[in-house]
């Protein structure tokens, strides 16, 4: 047994119009764009959305990692280049998908709670490398649409790597 385990998960994001509207900061969306969303949502959910349980066997616990792959990112970038307004909507759609998938695994996130970002240890970093991902010290992954959070839920700001810099932090020193 190694220091870590990577267990594939089957994400099943559900599209919630109100949640999407909140993320997008919009009060209405054109019907034509909604039709396009359905096509991209279905494709991304089946082909481009990745989810894993990462288990660090040396005491750091379990985490869920969810992200959209490079193909989905490229599609959104292409839409953005053609129409910044539509690009922003598809950007919000990608965020909605990743967060909806995260809520499917960690139901507490559905209550409006943030997905706290843990400080990854050696096992998680090794798992990232095996998955072709990289972590940087600012607390991001080399995927634009990604969530890494404790699995199951173990708390909010008090367990978050970004609690000192996050504007939503409830424990940040003022």
Protein backbone atom coordinates (compact mmCIF):
# COMPACT_ATOMS: atom_id res chain seq x y z
CA UNK A 1 0.00 0.00 0.00
CA UNK A 2 1.32 3.42 -0.96
CA UNK A 3 0.97 6.75 0.80
CA UNK A 4 -2.18 7.59 -1.13
CA UNK A 5 -5.06 6.14 -3.12
CA UNK A 6 -6.93 7.59 -6.10
CA UNK A 7 -10.49 6.31 -6.33
CA UNK A 8 -12.52 7.42 -9.38
CA UNK A 9 -16.00 8.72 -8.57
CA UNK A 10 -19.02 9.14 -10.84
CA UNK A 11 -20.10 12.79 -10.70
CA UNK A 12 -23.77 13.47 -11.35
CA UNK A 13 -24.20 17.25 -11.43
CA UNK A 14 -27.74 18.57 -11.56
CA UNK A 15 -28.44 21.84 -13.30
CA UNK A 16 -30.16 24.27 -10.92
CA UNK A 17 -31.28 27.38 -12.77
CA UNK A 18 -31.45 29.57 -9.66
CA UNK A 19 -27.97 28.50 -8.57
CA UNK A 20 -26.62 29.22 -12.05
CA UNK A 21 -28.30 32.66 -12.11
CA UNK A 22 -26.70 33.47 -8.75
CA UNK A 23 -23.24 32.45 -9.96
CA UNK A 24 -23.69 34.29 -13.28
CA UNK A 25 -25.08 37.40 -11.59
CA UNK A 26 -27.94 37.45 -14.10
CA UNK A 27 -31.67 37.87 -13.72
CA UNK A 28 -32.60 36.43 -17.12
CA UNK A 29 -30.99 34.34 -19.85
CA UNK A 30 -31.92 34.19 -23.54
CA UNK A 31 -33.68 31.00 -24.62
CA UNK A 32 -31.10 30.31 -27.37
CA UNK A 33 -28.26 30.31 -24.84
CA UNK A 34 -30.22 27.94 -22.59
CA UNK A 35 -30.52 25.51 -25.53
CA UNK A 36 -26.75 25.67 -26.02
CA UNK A 37 -26.21 25.13 -22.29
CA UNK A 38 -28.07 21.83 -22.43
CA UNK A 39 -25.80 20.51 -25.18
CA UNK A 40 -22.61 21.56 -23.39
CA UNK A 41 -23.84 20.44 -19.96
CA UNK A 42 -24.59 16.95 -21.23
CA UNK A 43 -21.26 16.66 -23.08
CA UNK A 44 -19.17 18.03 -20.23
CA UNK A 45 -20.93 15.89 -17.61
CA UNK A 46 -20.29 12.67 -19.55
CA UNK A 47 -16.93 13.38 -21.22
CA UNK A 48 -15.04 16.18 -19.48
CA UNK A 49 -15.98 16.21 -15.79
CA UNK A 50 -13.55 14.24 -13.63
CA UNK A 51 -14.04 13.29 -9.98
CA UNK A 52 -11.82 11.40 -7.57
CA UNK A 53 -11.62 10.53 -3.94
CA UNK A 54 -8.04 11.12 -2.86
CA UNK A 55 -7.07 9.26 0.28
CA UNK A 56 -3.90 10.18 2.07
CA UNK A 57 -3.08 7.09 4.08
CA UNK A 58 -0.62 8.90 6.33
CA UNK A 59 -3.16 10.68 8.48
CA UNK A 60 -4.35 13.56 6.32
CA UNK A 61 -7.70 12.00 5.53
CA UNK A 62 -9.81 11.92 2.38
CA UNK A 63 -10.63 14.60 -0.15
CA UNK A 64 -12.83 14.91 -3.18
CA UNK A 65 -11.28 16.42 -6.31
CA UNK A 66 -13.56 17.51 -9.12
CA UNK A 67 -12.53 19.35 -12.27
CA UNK A 68 -13.32 19.99 -15.91
CA UNK A 69 -10.54 18.89 -18.24
CA UNK A 70 -8.55 20.92 -20.76
CA UNK A 71 -11.00 20.25 -23.60
CA UNK A 72 -13.84 21.93 -21.71
CA UNK A 73 -11.56 24.84 -20.78
CA UNK A 74 -10.59 25.24 -24.45
CA UNK A 75 -14.23 25.27 -25.50
CA UNK A 76 -15.04 28.01 -23.00
CA UNK A 77 -11.99 30.02 -24.10
CA UNK A 78 -13.13 29.74 -27.73
CA UNK A 79 -16.63 30.95 -26.82
CA UNK A 80 -15.06 33.79 -24.85
CA UNK A 81 -12.99 34.85 -27.87
CA UNK A 82 -16.09 34.89 -30.11
CA UNK A 83 -18.36 36.64 -27.60
CA UNK A 84 -17.16 37.83 -24.18
CA UNK A 85 -20.77 38.04 -22.95
CA UNK A 86 -21.46 34.42 -23.89
CA UNK A 87 -18.03 33.41 -22.61
CA UNK A 88 -18.92 34.79 -19.20
CA UNK A 89 -22.15 32.77 -19.19
CA UNK A 90 -20.33 29.55 -20.13
CA UNK A 91 -17.70 30.32 -17.49
CA UNK A 92 -20.56 30.50 -14.95
CA UNK A 93 -22.00 27.26 -16.37
CA UNK A 94 -18.67 25.48 -15.78
CA UNK A 95 -18.50 26.77 -12.19
CA UNK A 96 -22.10 25.65 -11.65
CA UNK A 97 -21.28 22.17 -12.95
CA UNK A 98 -18.20 21.67 -10.78
CA UNK A 99 -19.92 23.01 -7.66
CA UNK A 100 -23.07 20.98 -8.33
CA UNK A 101 -20.95 17.85 -8.64
CA UNK A 102 -19.16 18.75 -5.39
CA UNK A 103 -22.53 19.19 -3.66
CA UNK A 104 -23.48 15.70 -4.84
CA UNK A 105 -20.55 14.26 -2.87
CA UNK A 106 -20.51 16.74 0.02
CA UNK A 107 -24.18 17.68 0.65
CA UNK A 108 -23.26 20.29 3.27
CA UNK A 109 -22.01 22.51 0.42
CA UNK A 110 -25.63 22.83 -0.77
CA UNK A 111 -26.42 24.96 2.26
CA UNK A 112 -24.52 27.90 0.80
CA UNK A 113 -21.29 26.86 2.50
CA UNK A 114 -17.97 27.30 0.76
CA UNK A 115 -15.93 24.27 -0.22
CA UNK A 116 -12.93 24.70 2.09
CA UNK A 117 -9.61 24.09 0.38
CA UNK A 118 -7.28 21.89 2.44
CA UNK A 119 -3.53 22.30 2.53
CA UNK A 120 -2.52 19.21 0.56
CA UNK A 121 0.11 16.95 2.05
CA UNK A 122 2.66 14.79 0.26
CA UNK A 123 0.15 12.05 -0.53
CA UNK A 124 -2.34 14.39 -2.18
CA UNK A 125 0.44 16.15 -4.09
CA UNK A 126 1.67 12.76 -5.35
CA UNK A 127 -1.89 11.88 -6.41
CA UNK A 128 -2.14 15.21 -8.26
CA UNK A 129 1.07 14.40 -10.10
CA UNK A 130 -0.22 10.96 -11.06
CA UNK A 131 -3.40 12.59 -12.45
CA UNK A 132 -1.32 15.05 -14.49
CA UNK A 133 -2.24 17.99 -12.28
CA UNK A 134 -0.09 20.45 -10.39
CA UNK A 135 -0.64 22.48 -7.25
CA UNK A 136 0.76 25.94 -6.60
CA UNK A 137 1.27 27.70 -3.31
CA UNK A 138 -1.53 30.21 -3.99
CA UNK A 139 -3.90 27.28 -3.48
CA UNK A 140 -4.87 26.59 -7.07
CA UNK A 141 -4.68 23.62 -9.40
CA UNK A 142 -3.67 23.83 -13.05
CA UNK A 143 -7.33 23.43 -14.00
CA UNK A 144 -9.47 26.53 -14.21
CA UNK A 145 -12.65 24.81 -12.98
CA UNK A 146 -11.73 22.64 -10.00
CA UNK A 147 -12.69 21.89 -6.41
CA UNK A 148 -10.59 20.08 -3.81
CA UNK A 149 -12.28 19.76 -0.44
CA UNK A 150 -12.37 17.37 2.55
CA UNK A 151 -14.55 14.30 2.01
CA UNK A 152 -16.74 14.01 3.99
CA UNK A 153 -17.28 17.60 5.12
CA UNK A 154 -15.13 18.48 8.12
CA UNK A 155 -15.76 22.20 8.59
CA UNK A 156 -15.54 25.49 6.77
CA UNK A 157 -13.16 28.40 7.21
CA UNK A 158 -11.42 26.75 10.15
CA UNK A 159 -10.01 23.99 7.88
CA UNK A 160 -9.44 26.13 4.76
CA UNK A 161 -5.98 26.82 3.35
CA UNK A 162 -7.20 30.23 2.12
CA UNK A 163 -8.85 31.39 5.36
CA UNK A 164 -6.33 34.22 5.88
CA UNK A 165 -6.86 35.72 2.41
CA UNK A 166 -10.46 34.84 1.51
CA UNK A 167 -12.91 37.75 1.61
CA UNK A 168 -15.64 35.36 2.83
CA UNK A 169 -13.54 34.03 5.71
CA UNK A 170 -15.24 34.06 9.07
CA UNK A 171 -11.95 33.59 10.94
CA UNK A 172 -9.62 35.94 9.03
CA UNK A 173 -7.70 38.41 11.13
CA UNK A 174 -9.03 41.88 10.40
